[in-house]
Amino acid sequence: MASQFHKVRLINPWTGATPPDKEMSWLQIKGWGQENVHPRDLEEWLAEAKKAYANHDGDQLGIMIIGS
């Protein structure tokens, strides 16, 4: 059975904020994005994050631009 969690490396480059847990469900990633991504960029960020999550690509999630 596939795990509902993925290993991710997310960071907010302005604040240095990172999630406390590196094993995150999609809802946790979405929640982290809502707290750390500029509202102007959030919709696009979430769309790209969901693709990366669906592809089990934690590295891609980790390098996504947070804000502009």
Protein backbone atom coordinates (compact mmCIF):
# COMPACT_ATOMS: atom_id res chain seq x y z
CA MET A 1 0.00 0.00 0.00
CA ALA A 2 1.35 3.44 -0.95
CA SER A 3 2.07 5.87 1.84
CA GLN A 4 -0.14 8.94 2.08
CA PHE A 5 2.94 10.95 3.08
CA HIS A 6 5.83 12.18 0.97
CA LYS A 7 9.27 13.32 2.03
CA VAL A 8 9.60 16.99 1.09
CA ARG A 9 12.08 19.82 1.47
CA LEU A 10 10.15 23.09 1.64
CA ILE A 11 11.67 26.42 2.68
CA ASN A 12 10.54 30.01 2.64
CA PRO A 13 13.64 31.85 1.32
CA TRP A 14 12.73 35.13 3.01
CA THR A 15 12.09 33.83 6.52
CA GLY A 16 13.96 30.52 6.41
CA ALA A 17 10.78 28.81 7.62
CA THR A 18 10.69 25.07 7.07
CA PRO A 19 8.02 22.57 8.09
CA PRO A 20 8.72 20.86 11.42
CA ASP A 21 8.02 17.45 9.85
CA LYS A 22 9.63 16.37 6.57
CA GLU A 23 7.05 13.60 6.01
CA MET A 24 3.93 15.50 4.98
CA SER A 25 0.50 14.70 3.59
CA TRP A 26 -0.97 16.87 0.84
CA LEU A 27 -3.16 18.68 3.38
CA GLN A 28 -0.08 19.52 5.46
CA ILE A 29 1.78 20.81 2.39
CA LYS A 30 -1.24 22.89 1.40
CA GLY A 31 -1.51 24.32 4.92
CA TRP A 32 2.20 25.14 4.98
CA GLY A 33 1.88 26.89 1.61
CA GLN A 34 -1.06 28.95 2.85
CA GLU A 35 1.09 30.19 5.74
CA ASN A 36 4.34 30.73 3.81
CA VAL A 37 3.50 31.61 0.20
CA HIS A 38 2.57 35.15 -0.76
CA PRO A 39 -1.22 35.25 -1.33
CA ARG A 40 -0.65 36.65 -4.83
CA ASP A 41 1.33 33.51 -5.74
CA LEU A 42 -0.59 30.93 -3.73
CA GLU A 43 -2.98 29.59 -6.38
CA GLU A 44 -0.19 28.94 -8.89
CA TRP A 45 2.10 27.56 -6.18
CA LEU A 46 -0.56 25.12 -4.99
CA ALA A 47 -1.24 23.93 -8.55
CA GLU A 48 2.47 23.23 -9.10
CA ALA A 49 2.86 21.69 -5.65
CA LYS A 50 -0.07 19.35 -6.27
CA LYS A 51 1.56 18.14 -9.51
CA ALA A 52 4.88 17.56 -7.76
CA TYR A 53 3.13 15.78 -4.88
CA ALA A 54 1.15 13.56 -7.25
CA ASN A 55 4.41 12.64 -8.98
CA HIS A 56 6.08 11.89 -5.61
CA ASP A 57 8.65 14.55 -6.45
CA GLY A 58 9.71 15.94 -3.08
CA ASP A 59 12.79 17.52 -4.64
CA GLN A 60 10.62 19.57 -7.00
CA LEU A 61 8.46 20.71 -4.08
CA GLY A 62 11.59 21.78 -2.26
CA ILE A 63 12.86 24.04 -5.04
CA MET A 64 9.57 25.71 -5.89
CA ILE A 65 9.74 29.49 -5.67
CA ILE A 66 7.97 30.70 -2.54
CA GLY A 67 6.59 34.15 -3.32
CA SER A 68 7.92 36.70 -5.77
